[in-house]
Amino acid sequence: MSASDVQCNPRYGENARFKITVTDFSGGKVIDTTAPMSDAGGFTYTFRVPPEAAAGEGSIAAYPYDIDWCDDTGRNNRADAEAPAFALVSCAMPQEPITILP
């Protein structure tokens, strides 16, 4: 999986990370980790679903880790705001469906 850098200049920092969670058909988290991302939010991550994962419909979620990731205004109100004023907008978990094959 991968994501391109965003255009709103989020300034996540040189040690920025994103969280990735893969949930199997039973609802169990079969992958739950963090990995590096760029200052502008881009990343590439390759993984293998563990053999013990329950086959069927599951989901995958990836989002910036340990920062105010739920701002979808299209501008960087985190870096430009006077602390601690953040405009948090949509906090819906960004998930995509996946199918895990046996």
PDB file of N, CA and C in Angstrom:
ATOM      1  N   MET A   1       0.837  -1.160   0.000  1.00  0.00           N
ATOM      2  CA  MET A   1       0.000   0.000   0.000  1.00  0.00           C
ATOM      3  C   MET A   1       0.887   1.229   0.000  1.00  0.00           C
ATOM      4  N   SER A   2       0.352   2.324  -0.510  1.00  0.00           N
ATOM      5  CA  SER A   2       1.139   3.557  -0.545  1.00  0.00           C
ATOM      6  C   SER A   2       0.210   4.762  -0.592  1.00  0.00           C
ATOM      7  N   ALA A   3       0.773   5.912  -0.281  1.00  0.00           N
ATOM      8  CA  ALA A   3       0.066   7.188  -0.368  1.00  0.00           C
ATOM      9  C   ALA A   3       1.066   8.235  -0.842  1.00  0.00           C
ATOM     10  N   SER A   4       0.594   9.139  -1.657  1.00  0.00           N
ATOM     11  CA  SER A   4       1.431  10.237  -2.140  1.00  0.00           C
ATOM     12  C   SER A   4       1.495  11.343  -1.103  1.00  0.00           C
ATOM     13  N   ASP A   5       2.521  12.186  -1.220  1.00  0.00           N
ATOM     14  CA  ASP A   5       2.589  13.382  -0.384  1.00  0.00           C
ATOM     15  C   ASP A   5       1.347  14.236  -0.625  1.00  0.00           C
ATOM     16  N   VAL A   6       0.870  14.908   0.409  1.00  0.00           N
ATOM     17  CA  VAL A   6      -0.286  15.793   0.279  1.00  0.00           C
ATOM     18  C   VAL A   6       0.174  17.203  -0.082  1.00  0.00           C
ATOM     19  N   GLN A   7      -0.732  18.015  -0.575  1.00  0.00           N
ATOM     20  CA  GLN A   7      -0.395  19.353  -1.047  1.00  0.00           C
ATOM     21  C   GLN A   7      -0.560  20.451  -0.002  1.00  0.00           C
ATOM     22  N   CYS A   8      -1.139  20.140   1.160  1.00  0.00           N
ATOM     23  CA  CYS A   8      -1.431  21.187   2.155  1.00  0.00           C
ATOM     24  C   CYS A   8      -0.275  21.442   3.119  1.00  0.00           C
ATOM     25  N   ASN A   9       0.904  20.883   2.839  1.00  0.00           N
ATOM     26  CA  ASN A   9       2.086  21.108   3.664  1.00  0.00           C
ATOM     27  C   ASN A   9       1.840  20.807   5.139  1.00  0.00           C
ATOM     28  N   PRO A  10       1.571  19.532   5.471  1.00  0.00           N
ATOM     29  CA  PRO A  10       1.248  19.208   6.859  1.00  0.00           C
ATOM     30  C   PRO A  10       2.414  19.328   7.826  1.00  0.00           C
ATOM     31  N   ARG A  11       3.644  19.276   7.339  1.00  0.00           N
ATOM     32  CA  ARG A  11       4.828  19.380   8.197  1.00  0.00           C
ATOM     33  C   ARG A  11       4.772  18.386   9.356  1.00  0.00           C
ATOM     34  N   TYR A  12       4.679  17.100   9.027  1.00  0.00           N
ATOM     35  CA  TYR A  12       4.629  16.056  10.046  1.00  0.00           C
ATOM     36  C   TYR A  12       5.971  15.877  10.754  1.00  0.00           C
ATOM     37  N   GLY A  13       7.062  16.264  10.108  1.00  0.00           N
ATOM     38  CA  GLY A  13       8.375  16.160  10.738  1.00  0.00           C
ATOM     39  C   GLY A  13       9.205  15.030  10.162  1.00  0.00           C
ATOM     40  N   GLU A  14      10.506  15.090  10.407  1.00  0.00           N
ATOM     41  CA  GLU A  14      11.417  14.102   9.816  1.00  0.00           C
ATOM     42  C   GLU A  14      11.276  12.718  10.429  1.00  0.00           C
ATOM     43  N   ASN A  15      10.702  12.604  11.608  1.00  0.00           N
ATOM     44  CA  ASN A  15      10.502  11.298  12.242  1.00  0.00           C
ATOM     45  C   ASN A  15       9.047  10.856  12.208  1.00  0.00           C
ATOM     46  N   ALA A  16       8.283  11.388  11.256  1.00  0.00           N
ATOM     47  CA  ALA A  16       6.855  11.083  11.162  1.00  0.00           C
ATOM     48  C   ALA A  16       6.614   9.606  10.883  1.00  0.00           C
ATOM     49  N   ARG A  17       5.523   9.098  11.445  1.00  0.00           N
ATOM     50  CA  ARG A  17       5.148   7.694  11.254  1.00  0.00           C
ATOM     51  C   ARG A  17       3.655   7.632  10.961  1.00  0.00           C
ATOM     52  N   PHE A  18       3.249   6.546  10.333  1.00  0.00           N
ATOM     53  CA  PHE A  18       1.834   6.313  10.161  1.00  0.00           C
ATOM     54  C   PHE A  18       1.481   4.979  10.814  1.00  0.00           C
ATOM     55  N   LYS A  19       0.238   4.840  11.184  1.00  0.00           N
ATOM     56  CA  LYS A  19      -0.271   3.619  11.819  1.00  0.00           C
ATOM     57  C   LYS A  19      -1.008   2.820  10.763  1.00  0.00           C
ATOM     58  N   ILE A  20      -0.749   1.517  10.726  1.00  0.00           N
ATOM     59  CA  ILE A  20      -1.464   0.628   9.814  1.00  0.00           C
ATOM     60  C   ILE A  20      -2.078  -0.498  10.632  1.00  0.00           C
ATOM     61  N   THR A  21      -3.353  -0.750  10.356  1.00  0.00           N
ATOM     62  CA  THR A  21      -4.073  -1.825  11.027  1.00  0.00           C
ATOM     63  C   THR A  21      -4.812  -2.639   9.975  1.00  0.00           C
ATOM     64  N   VAL A  22      -4.604  -3.952   9.998  1.00  0.00           N
ATOM     65  CA  VAL A  22      -5.353  -4.864   9.138  1.00  0.00           C
ATOM     66  C   VAL A  22      -6.199  -5.732  10.058  1.00  0.00           C
ATOM     67  N   THR A  23      -7.502  -5.739   9.795  1.00  0.00           N
ATOM     68  CA  THR A  23      -8.448  -6.512  10.590  1.00  0.00           C
ATOM     69  C   THR A  23      -8.998  -7.641   9.729  1.00  0.00           C
ATOM     70  N   ASP A  24      -9.052  -8.847  10.270  1.00  0.00           N
ATOM     71  CA  ASP A  24      -9.541  -9.989   9.498  1.00  0.00           C
ATOM     72  C   ASP A  24     -11.051 -10.168   9.675  1.00  0.00           C
ATOM     73  N   PHE A  25     -11.604 -11.230   9.080  1.00  0.00           N
ATOM     74  CA  PHE A  25     -13.040 -11.500   9.095  1.00  0.00           C
ATOM     75  C   PHE A  25     -13.602 -11.622  10.515  1.00  0.00           C
ATOM     76  N   SER A  26     -12.811 -12.145  11.441  1.00  0.00           N
ATOM     77  CA  SER A  26     -13.278 -12.306  12.825  1.00  0.00           C
ATOM     78  C   SER A  26     -13.264 -10.998  13.607  1.00  0.00           C
ATOM     79  N   GLY A  27     -12.700  -9.952  13.015  1.00  0.00           N
ATOM     80  CA  GLY A  27     -12.582  -8.671  13.704  1.00  0.00           C
ATOM     81  C   GLY A  27     -11.270  -8.509  14.437  1.00  0.00           C
ATOM     82  N   GLY A  28     -10.423  -9.526  14.371  1.00  0.00           N
ATOM     83  CA  GLY A  28      -9.123  -9.464  15.038  1.00  0.00           C
ATOM     84  C   GLY A  28      -8.104  -8.665  14.235  1.00  0.00           C
ATOM     85  N   LYS A  29      -7.276  -7.918  14.934  1.00  0.00           N
ATOM     86  CA  LYS A  29      -6.200  -7.168  14.278  1.00  0.00           C
ATOM     87  C   LYS A  29      -5.050  -8.131  13.991  1.00  0.00           C
ATOM     88  N   VAL A  30      -4.780  -8.362  12.707  1.00  0.00           N
ATOM     89  CA  VAL A  30      -3.700  -9.272  12.343  1.00  0.00           C
ATOM     90  C   VAL A  30      -2.415  -8.517  12.031  1.00  0.00           C
ATOM     91  N   ILE A  31      -2.528  -7.233  11.767  1.00  0.00           N
ATOM     92  CA  ILE A  31      -1.377  -6.334  11.650  1.00  0.00           C
ATOM     93  C   ILE A  31      -1.760  -5.062  12.381  1.00  0.00           C
ATOM     94  N   ASP A  32      -0.893  -4.611  13.257  1.00  0.00           N
ATOM     95  CA  ASP A  32      -1.131  -3.402  14.047  1.00  0.00           C
ATOM     96  C   ASP A  32       0.236  -2.821  14.374  1.00  0.00           C
ATOM     97  N   THR A  33       0.718  -1.920  13.510  1.00  0.00           N
ATOM     98  CA  THR A  33       2.080  -1.425  13.647  1.00  0.00           C
ATOM     99  C   THR A  33       2.187   0.004  13.132  1.00  0.00           C
ATOM    100  N   THR A  34       3.359   0.568  13.236  1.00  0.00           N
ATOM    101  CA  THR A  34       3.647   1.871  12.642  1.00  0.00           C
ATOM    102  C   THR A  34       4.818   1.716  11.682  1.00  0.00           C
ATOM    103  N   ALA A  35       4.928   2.667  10.755  1.00  0.00           N
ATOM    104  CA  ALA A  35       6.022   2.666   9.788  1.00  0.00           C
ATOM    105  C   ALA A  35       6.322   4.117   9.415  1.00  0.00           C
ATOM    106  N   PRO A  36       7.500   4.379   8.847  1.00  0.00           N
ATOM    107  CA  PRO A  36       7.871   5.758   8.503  1.00  0.00           C
ATOM    108  C   PRO A  36       7.026   6.338   7.377  1.00  0.00           C
ATOM    109  N   MET A  37       6.830   7.653   7.443  1.00  0.00           N
ATOM    110  CA  MET A  37       6.210   8.402   6.347  1.00  0.00           C
ATOM    111  C   MET A  37       6.986   9.700   6.170  1.00  0.00           C
ATOM    112  N   SER A  38       6.791  10.348   5.042  1.00  0.00           N
ATOM    113  CA  SER A  38       7.514  11.588   4.762  1.00  0.00           C
ATOM    114  C   SER A  38       6.917  12.759   5.537  1.00  0.00           C
ATOM    115  N   ASP A  39       7.614  13.857   5.533  1.00  0.00           N
ATOM    116  CA  ASP A  39       7.153  15.089   6.162  1.00  0.00           C
ATOM    117  C   ASP A  39       5.810  15.528   5.591  1.00  0.00           C
ATOM    118  N   ALA A  40       5.540  15.185   4.324  1.00  0.00           N
ATOM    119  CA  ALA A  40       4.292  15.559   3.656  1.00  0.00           C
ATOM    120  C   ALA A  40       3.284  14.406   3.614  1.00  0.00           C
ATOM    121  N   GLY A  41       3.517  13.340   4.381  1.00  0.00           N
ATOM    122  CA  GLY A  41       2.529  12.282   4.526  1.00  0.00           C
ATOM    123  C   GLY A  41       2.621  11.112   3.570  1.00  0.00           C
ATOM    124  N   GLY A  42       3.556  11.115   2.653  1.00  0.00           N
ATOM    125  CA  GLY A  42       3.687  10.003   1.719  1.00  0.00           C
ATOM    126  C   GLY A  42       4.332   8.790   2.369  1.00  0.00           C
ATOM    127  N   PHE A  43       3.939   7.603   1.916  1.00  0.00           N
ATOM    128  CA  PHE A  43       4.543   6.383   2.439  1.00  0.00           C
ATOM    129  C   PHE A  43       4.345   5.234   1.457  1.00  0.00           C
ATOM    130  N   THR A  44       5.150   4.208   1.628  1.00  0.00           N
ATOM    131  CA  THR A  44       4.989   2.928   0.951  1.00  0.00           C
ATOM    132  C   THR A  44       5.198   1.856   2.001  1.00  0.00           C
ATOM    133  N   TYR A  45       4.304   0.874   2.023  1.00  0.00           N
ATOM    134  CA  TYR A  45       4.378  -0.189   3.021  1.00  0.00           C
ATOM    135  C   TYR A  45       3.941  -1.496   2.375  1.00  0.00           C
ATOM    136  N   THR A  46       4.767  -2.511   2.503  1.00  0.00           N
ATOM    137  CA  THR A  46       4.461  -3.839   1.981  1.00  0.00           C
ATOM    138  C   THR A  46       4.311  -4.792   3.150  1.00  0.00           C
ATOM    139  N   PHE A  47       3.314  -5.657   3.089  1.00  0.00           N
ATOM    140  CA  PHE A  47       3.089  -6.595   4.184  1.00  0.00           C
ATOM    141  C   PHE A  47       2.520  -7.903   3.654  1.00  0.00           C
ATOM    142  N   ARG A  48       2.620  -8.923   4.485  1.00  0.00           N
ATOM    143  CA  ARG A  48       1.989 -10.217   4.218  1.00  0.00           C
ATOM    144  C   ARG A  48       0.980 -10.469   5.334  1.00  0.00           C
ATOM    145  N   VAL A  49      -0.201 -10.878   4.931  1.00  0.00           N
ATOM    146  CA  VAL A  49      -1.218 -11.216   5.925  1.00  0.00           C
ATOM    147  C   VAL A  49      -0.796 -12.523   6.583  1.00  0.00           C
ATOM    148  N   PRO A  50      -0.761 -12.574   7.913  1.00  0.00           N
ATOM    149  CA  PRO A  50      -0.353 -13.795   8.606  1.00  0.00           C
ATOM    150  C   PRO A  50      -1.268 -14.975   8.257  1.00  0.00           C
ATOM    151  N   PRO A  51      -0.720 -16.185   8.198  1.00  0.00           N
ATOM    152  CA  PRO A  51      -1.533 -17.352   7.825  1.00  0.00           C
ATOM    153  C   PRO A  51      -2.682 -17.639   8.792  1.00  0.00           C
ATOM    154  N   GLU A  52      -2.589 -17.188  10.022  1.00  0.00           N
ATOM    155  CA  GLU A  52      -3.661 -17.430  10.986  1.00  0.00           C
ATOM    156  C   GLU A  52      -4.837 -16.458  10.851  1.00  0.00           C
ATOM    157  N   ALA A  53      -4.752 -15.503   9.931  1.00  0.00           N
ATOM    158  CA  ALA A  53      -5.841 -14.543   9.728  1.00  0.00           C
ATOM    159  C   ALA A  53      -7.086 -15.268   9.218  1.00  0.00           C
ATOM    160  N   ALA A  54      -8.252 -14.889   9.749  1.00  0.00           N
ATOM    161  CA  ALA A  54      -9.514 -15.483   9.327  1.00  0.00           C
ATOM    162  C   ALA A  54      -9.866 -15.003   7.920  1.00  0.00           C
ATOM    163  N   ALA A  55     -10.098 -15.957   7.018  1.00  0.00           N
ATOM    164  CA  ALA A  55     -10.435 -15.627   5.629  1.00  0.00           C
ATOM    165  C   ALA A  55     -11.803 -14.949   5.556  1.00  0.00           C
ATOM    166  N   GLY A  56     -11.961 -14.073   4.567  1.00  0.00           N
ATOM    167  CA  GLY A  56     -13.219 -13.365   4.347  1.00  0.00           C
ATOM    168  C   GLY A  56     -12.989 -11.868   4.283  1.00  0.00           C
ATOM    169  N   GLU A  57     -14.060 -11.124   4.440  1.00  0.00           N
ATOM    170  CA  GLU A  57     -13.984  -9.664   4.381  1.00  0.00           C
ATOM    171  C   GLU A  57     -13.303  -9.115   5.630  1.00  0.00           C
ATOM    172  N   GLY A  58     -12.391  -8.208   5.423  1.00  0.00           N
ATOM    173  CA  GLY A  58     -11.696  -7.525   6.503  1.00  0.00           C
ATOM    174  C   GLY A  58     -11.553  -6.061   6.142  1.00  0.00           C
ATOM    175  N   SER A  59     -10.647  -5.389   6.795  1.00  0.00           N
ATOM    176  CA  SER A  59     -10.423  -3.978   6.475  1.00  0.00           C
ATOM    177  C   SER A  59      -8.971  -3.608   6.726  1.00  0.00           C
ATOM    178  N   ILE A  60      -8.580  -2.511   6.116  1.00  0.00           N
ATOM    179  CA  ILE A  60      -7.245  -1.964   6.307  1.00  0.00           C
ATOM    180  C   ILE A  60      -7.389  -0.472   6.579  1.00  0.00           C
ATOM    181  N   ALA A  61      -6.625   0.024   7.535  1.00  0.00           N
ATOM    182  CA  ALA A  61      -6.645   1.452   7.873  1.00  0.00           C
ATOM    183  C   ALA A  61      -5.211   1.945   7.986  1.00  0.00           C
ATOM    184  N   ALA A  62      -4.967   3.127   7.474  1.00  0.00           N
ATOM    185  CA  ALA A  62      -3.646   3.761   7.589  1.00  0.00           C
ATOM    186  C   ALA A  62      -3.857   5.258   7.773  1.00  0.00           C
ATOM    187  N   TYR A  63      -3.181   5.821   8.768  1.00  0.00           N
ATOM    188  CA  TYR A  63      -3.326   7.242   9.057  1.00  0.00           C
ATOM    189  C   TYR A  63      -2.111   7.717   9.846  1.00  0.00           C
ATOM    190  N   PRO A  64      -1.822   9.020   9.822  1.00  0.00           N
ATOM    191  CA  PRO A  64      -0.687   9.546  10.582  1.00  0.00           C
ATOM    192  C   PRO A  64      -0.780   9.147  12.053  1.00  0.00           C
ATOM    193  N   TYR A  65       0.349   8.755  12.617  1.00  0.00           N
ATOM    194  CA  TYR A  65       0.399   8.241  13.983  1.00  0.00           C
ATOM    195  C   TYR A  65       0.778   9.318  14.987  1.00  0.00           C
ATOM    196  N   ASP A  66       0.021   9.378  16.085  1.00  0.00           N
ATOM    197  CA  ASP A  66       0.318  10.236  17.225  1.00  0.00           C
ATOM    198  C   ASP A  66       0.318  11.724  16.895  1.00  0.00           C
ATOM    199  N   ILE A  67      -0.536  12.107  15.952  1.00  0.00           N
ATOM    200  CA  ILE A  67      -0.726  13.529  15.633  1.00  0.00           C
ATOM    201  C   ILE A  67      -2.206  13.750  15.348  1.00  0.00           C
ATOM    202  N   ASP A  68      -2.580  14.984  15.072  1.00  0.00           N
ATOM    203  CA  ASP A  68      -3.988  15.310  14.832  1.00  0.00           C
ATOM    204  C   ASP A  68      -4.384  14.921  13.408  1.00  0.00           C
ATOM    205  N   TRP A  69      -4.561  13.637  13.177  1.00  0.00           N
ATOM    206  CA  TRP A  69      -4.779  13.098  11.845  1.00  0.00           C
ATOM    207  C   TRP A  69      -6.178  13.299  11.311  1.00  0.00           C
ATOM    208  N   CYS A  70      -7.134  13.762  12.083  1.00  0.00           N
ATOM    209  CA  CYS A  70      -8.506  13.816  11.578  1.00  0.00           C
ATOM    210  C   CYS A  70      -8.904  15.196  11.061  1.00  0.00           C
ATOM    211  N   ASP A  71      -7.995  15.973  10.590  1.00  0.00           N
ATOM    212  CA  ASP A  71      -8.310  17.257   9.973  1.00  0.00           C
ATOM    213  C   ASP A  71      -8.408  17.062   8.470  1.00  0.00           C
ATOM    214  N   ASP A  72      -9.587  17.264   7.901  1.00  0.00           N
ATOM    215  CA  ASP A  72      -9.739  17.103   6.457  1.00  0.00           C
ATOM    216  C   ASP A  72     -10.141  18.423   5.784  1.00  0.00           C
ATOM    217  N   THR A  73      -9.639  19.534   6.312  1.00  0.00           N
ATOM    218  CA  THR A  73      -9.979  20.842   5.754  1.00  0.00           C
ATOM    219  C   THR A  73      -9.202  21.150   4.479  1.00  0.00           C
ATOM    220  N   GLY A  74      -8.125  20.413   4.188  1.00  0.00           N
ATOM    221  CA  GLY A  74      -7.313  20.693   3.016  1.00  0.00           C
ATOM    222  C   GLY A  74      -6.266  21.760   3.268  1.00  0.00           C
ATOM    223  N   ARG A  75      -6.123  22.184   4.513  1.00  0.00           N
ATOM    224  CA  ARG A  75      -5.076  23.143   4.854  1.00  0.00           C
ATOM    225  C   ARG A  75      -4.429  22.686   6.154  1.00  0.00           C
ATOM    226  N   ASN A  76      -3.280  23.213   6.421  1.00  0.00           N
ATOM    227  CA  ASN A  76      -2.541  22.780   7.604  1.00  0.00           C
ATOM    228  C   ASN A  76      -2.864  23.681   8.782  1.00  0.00           C
ATOM    229  N   ASN A  77      -3.962  23.398   9.471  1.00  0.00           N
ATOM    230  CA  ASN A  77      -4.294  24.241  10.623  1.00  0.00           C
ATOM    231  C   ASN A  77      -3.524  23.804  11.864  1.00  0.00           C
ATOM    232  N   ARG A  78      -2.874  22.637  11.824  1.00  0.00           N
ATOM    233  CA  ARG A  78      -2.083  22.177  12.965  1.00  0.00           C
ATOM    234  C   ARG A  78      -0.789  22.972  13.058  1.00  0.00           C
ATOM    235  N   ALA A  79      -0.053  23.068  11.965  1.00  0.00           N
ATOM    236  CA  ALA A  79       1.244  23.732  11.988  1.00  0.00           C
ATOM    237  C   ALA A  79       1.115  25.250  12.070  1.00  0.00           C
ATOM    238  N   ASP A  80       0.022  25.799  11.526  1.00  0.00           N
ATOM    239  CA  ASP A  80      -0.137  27.252  11.516  1.00  0.00           C
ATOM    240  C   ASP A  80      -0.904  27.801  12.713  1.00  0.00           C
ATOM    241  N   ALA A  81      -1.538  26.933  13.481  1.00  0.00           N
ATOM    242  CA  ALA A  81      -2.377  27.385  14.597  1.00  0.00           C
ATOM    243  C   ALA A  81      -1.524  27.798  15.786  1.00  0.00           C
ATOM    244  N   GLU A  82      -2.089  28.656  16.583  1.00  0.00           N
ATOM    245  CA  GLU A  82      -1.454  28.983  17.848  1.00  0.00           C
ATOM    246  C   GLU A  82      -1.844  27.884  18.830  1.00  0.00           C
ATOM    247  N   ALA A  83      -0.882  27.229  19.404  1.00  0.00           N
ATOM    248  CA  ALA A  83      -1.142  26.092  20.303  1.00  0.00           C
ATOM    249  C   ALA A  83      -2.018  26.533  21.455  1.00  0.00           C
ATOM    250  N   PRO A  84      -2.911  25.731  21.920  1.00  0.00           N
ATOM    251  CA  PRO A  84      -3.286  24.407  21.435  1.00  0.00           C
ATOM    252  C   PRO A  84      -4.525  24.426  20.555  1.00  0.00           C
ATOM    253  N   ALA A  85      -4.785  25.495  19.809  1.00  0.00           N
ATOM    254  CA  ALA A  85      -6.010  25.631  19.015  1.00  0.00           C
ATOM    255  C   ALA A  85      -5.942  24.816  17.733  1.00  0.00           C
ATOM    256  N   PHE A  86      -6.630  23.684  17.705  1.00  0.00           N
ATOM    257  CA  PHE A  86      -6.698  22.848  16.522  1.00  0.00           C
ATOM    258  C   PHE A  86      -8.136  22.806  16.037  1.00  0.00           C
ATOM    259  N   ALA A  87      -8.329  22.792  14.738  1.00  0.00           N
ATOM    260  CA  ALA A  87      -9.663  22.637  14.169  1.00  0.00           C
ATOM    261  C   ALA A  87      -9.802  21.206  13.686  1.00  0.00           C
ATOM    262  N   LEU A  88     -10.246  20.316  14.575  1.00  0.00           N
ATOM    263  CA  LEU A  88     -10.433  18.922  14.205  1.00  0.00           C
ATOM    264  C   LEU A  88     -11.781  18.788  13.514  1.00  0.00           C
ATOM    265  N   VAL A  89     -11.779  18.151  12.377  1.00  0.00           N
ATOM    266  CA  VAL A  89     -12.976  18.152  11.550  1.00  0.00           C
ATOM    267  C   VAL A  89     -13.636  16.780  11.529  1.00  0.00           C
ATOM    268  N   SER A  90     -13.219  15.906  10.646  1.00  0.00           N
ATOM    269  CA  SER A  90     -13.860  14.605  10.489  1.00  0.00           C
ATOM    270  C   SER A  90     -12.997  13.529  11.107  1.00  0.00           C
ATOM    271  N   CYS A  91     -13.480  12.911  12.166  1.00  0.00           N
ATOM    272  CA  CYS A  91     -12.698  11.875  12.835  1.00  0.00           C
ATOM    273  C   CYS A  91     -13.187  10.472  12.496  1.00  0.00           C
ATOM    274  N   ALA A  92     -13.755  10.305  11.319  1.00  0.00           N
ATOM    275  CA  ALA A  92     -14.141   8.968  10.878  1.00  0.00           C
ATOM    276  C   ALA A  92     -12.870   8.179  10.576  1.00  0.00           C
ATOM    277  N   MET A  93     -12.823   6.924  11.028  1.00  0.00           N
ATOM    278  CA  MET A  93     -11.663   6.080  10.787  1.00  0.00           C
ATOM    279  C   MET A  93     -11.524   5.823   9.292  1.00  0.00           C
ATOM    280  N   PRO A  94     -10.376   6.151   8.709  1.00  0.00           N
ATOM    281  CA  PRO A  94     -10.179   5.927   7.267  1.00  0.00           C
ATOM    282  C   PRO A  94      -9.899   4.449   6.991  1.00  0.00           C
ATOM    283  N   GLN A  95     -10.925   3.695   6.636  1.00  0.00           N
ATOM    284  CA  GLN A  95     -10.787   2.261   6.403  1.00  0.00           C
ATOM    285  C   GLN A  95     -11.183   1.903   4.981  1.00  0.00           C
ATOM    286  N   GLU A  96     -10.538   0.873   4.457  1.00  0.00           N
ATOM    287  CA  GLU A  96     -10.869   0.333   3.155  1.00  0.00           C
ATOM    288  C   GLU A  96     -11.142  -1.151   3.330  1.00  0.00           C
ATOM    289  N   PRO A  97     -12.138  -1.685   2.632  1.00  0.00           N
ATOM    290  CA  PRO A  97     -12.394  -3.121   2.730  1.00  0.00           C
ATOM    291  C   PRO A  97     -11.347  -3.921   1.974  1.00  0.00           C
ATOM    292  N   ILE A  98     -11.043  -5.107   2.480  1.00  0.00           N
ATOM    293  CA  ILE A  98     -10.148  -6.046   1.802  1.00  0.00           C
ATOM    294  C   ILE A  98     -10.757  -7.437   1.926  1.00  0.00           C
ATOM    295  N   THR A  99     -10.335  -8.328   1.061  1.00  0.00           N
ATOM    296  CA  THR A  99     -10.742  -9.721   1.156  1.00  0.00           C
ATOM    297  C   THR A  99      -9.511 -10.555   1.424  1.00  0.00           C
ATOM    298  N   ILE A 100      -9.544 -11.313   2.502  1.00  0.00           N
ATOM    299  CA  ILE A 100      -8.444 -12.201   2.854  1.00  0.00           C
ATOM    300  C   ILE A 100      -8.798 -13.594   2.347  1.00  0.00           C
ATOM    301  N   LEU A 101      -7.942 -14.127   1.494  1.00  0.00           N
ATOM    302  CA  LEU A 101      -8.193 -15.441   0.919  1.00  0.00           C
ATOM    303  C   LEU A 101      -7.555 -16.526   1.768  1.00  0.00           C
ATOM    304  N   PRO A 102      -8.160 -17.728   1.792  1.00  0.00           N
ATOM    305  CA  PRO A 102      -7.582 -18.823   2.590  1.00  0.00           C
ATOM    306  C   PRO A 102      -6.254 -19.298   2.024  1.00  0.00           C
TER     307      PRO A 102
END
